[in-house]
Protein backbone atom coordinates (compact mmCIF):
# COMPACT_ATOMS: atom_id res chain seq x y z
CA MET A 1 23.25 319.22 93.02
CA GLN A 2 22.92 315.46 92.73
CA ASN A 3 26.20 315.02 94.64
CA TYR A 4 24.83 317.18 97.45
CA MET A 5 21.58 315.21 97.60
CA ASP A 6 23.51 311.94 97.63
CA SER A 7 25.72 313.20 100.46
CA ILE A 8 22.60 314.09 102.49
CA LYS A 9 21.24 310.57 101.94
CA ARG A 10 24.54 309.10 103.13
CA LEU A 11 24.57 311.40 106.18
CA ILE A 12 21.02 310.37 107.14
CA ALA A 13 21.97 306.70 106.79
CA ALA A 14 25.18 307.17 108.79
CA MET A 15 23.27 308.85 111.63
CA GLY A 16 20.57 306.18 111.63
CA TYR A 17 17.69 308.58 110.93
CA GLN A 18 16.14 306.69 107.98
CA SER A 19 13.01 305.59 109.84
CA PHE A 20 12.43 309.04 111.32
CA ILE A 21 12.86 310.87 108.02
CA VAL A 22 10.71 308.41 106.07
CA GLY A 23 8.00 308.60 108.72
CA THR A 24 7.77 312.36 108.53
CA MET A 25 7.83 312.35 104.74
CA ARG A 26 4.76 310.10 104.59
CA GLN A 27 2.64 312.92 105.99
CA SER A 28 3.86 315.22 103.21
CA TRP A 29 2.42 312.93 100.56
CA PHE A 30 -1.18 313.49 101.67
CA ALA A 31 -0.94 316.86 103.46
CA TRP A 32 -2.57 318.64 100.50
CA LEU A 33 -5.82 316.90 101.49
CA PHE A 34 -5.92 318.91 104.72
CA HIS A 35 -6.84 322.02 102.70
CA PHE A 36 -10.19 320.41 101.87
CA GLY A 37 -11.71 320.40 105.33
CA PRO A 38 -9.50 319.88 108.41
CA TYR A 39 -7.77 323.28 108.15
CA GLN A 40 -11.09 325.11 107.75
CA LEU A 41 -12.56 323.21 110.69
CA ALA A 42 -9.55 324.03 112.87
CA ARG A 43 -9.70 327.73 111.89
CA TRP A 44 -13.41 327.84 112.75
CA ARG A 45 -12.82 326.16 116.12
CA VAL A 46 -9.97 328.56 117.03
CA ARG A 47 -12.07 331.60 116.14
CA ARG A 48 -15.01 330.23 118.12
CA TRP A 49 -12.69 329.66 121.11
CA GLU A 50 -11.24 333.19 120.79
CA ASP A 51 -14.73 334.72 120.70
CA ASP A 52 -15.91 332.86 123.83
CA PRO A 53 -15.97 335.33 126.75
CA GLY A 54 -14.92 332.54 129.13
CA ASN A 55 -11.55 332.33 127.40
CA GLN A 56 -10.83 336.07 127.54
CA ALA A 57 -8.33 335.83 130.43
CA THR A 58 -6.40 333.02 128.74
CA LEU A 59 -6.39 334.92 125.46
CA GLU A 60 -5.05 338.03 127.22
CA HIS A 61 -2.23 335.96 128.75
CA MET A 62 -1.40 334.52 125.33
CA THR A 63 -1.38 337.99 123.80
CA GLU A 64 0.94 339.28 126.53
CA PHE A 65 3.35 336.37 125.99
CA ALA A 66 3.26 337.00 122.24
CA ARG A 67 4.14 340.66 122.83
CA ARG A 68 7.18 339.57 124.83
CA ASN A 69 8.34 337.17 122.10
CA LEU A 70 7.55 339.23 119.00
CA PRO A 71 9.49 342.46 118.56
CA LEU A 72 7.22 345.02 116.93
CA PRO A 73 8.50 347.81 114.71
CA PRO A 74 8.67 351.34 116.12
CA GLY A 75 5.44 353.26 115.60
CA TYR A 76 3.28 350.13 115.48
CA ARG A 77 -0.43 350.88 115.89
CA PRO A 78 -2.71 347.93 116.69
CA ARG A 79 -5.77 347.70 114.49
CA SER A 80 -9.14 346.11 115.12
CA ARG A 81 -9.81 342.51 114.19
CA SER A 82 -12.47 343.32 111.58
CA GLY A 83 -12.87 339.67 110.70
CA ASP A 84 -9.12 339.04 110.52
CA SER A 85 -7.06 337.24 113.12
CA SER A 86 -5.17 339.63 115.39
CA ARG A 87 -2.08 337.40 115.24
CA ARG A 88 -2.15 337.53 111.45
CA ALA A 89 -2.43 341.33 111.53
CA ILE A 90 0.52 341.59 113.93
CA ALA A 91 2.62 339.23 111.80
CA THR A 92 1.75 341.13 108.63
CA GLU A 93 2.65 344.51 110.09
CA SER A 94 5.85 343.32 111.73
CA THR A 95 7.22 341.43 108.71
CA GLY A 96 5.57 343.24 105.80
CA ARG A 97 4.37 339.88 104.43
CA HIS A 98 0.73 338.78 104.30
CA PHE A 99 -0.08 335.51 106.02
CA SER A 100 -3.30 333.72 105.15
């Protein structure tokens, strides 16, 4: 495994991607902090935007585009939101995995 990891380091250096890779890794070091506020704020803002009647047409367009891009299993029955995101419900039913 160490040989593989060393070969990846050499490949990154040979391609000149050191600054790009290091820059993206910096965010990973503090990303756990986002669970203590920014993610909850973003979720609240998205739900507030989805519930605004003025955004209904845009939301319908987004839903239509998602239907085109996400193959649903045969016999799929949409269910009501009941406090859960409709995208999360679709993803759960189509993959069998629960997304939170």
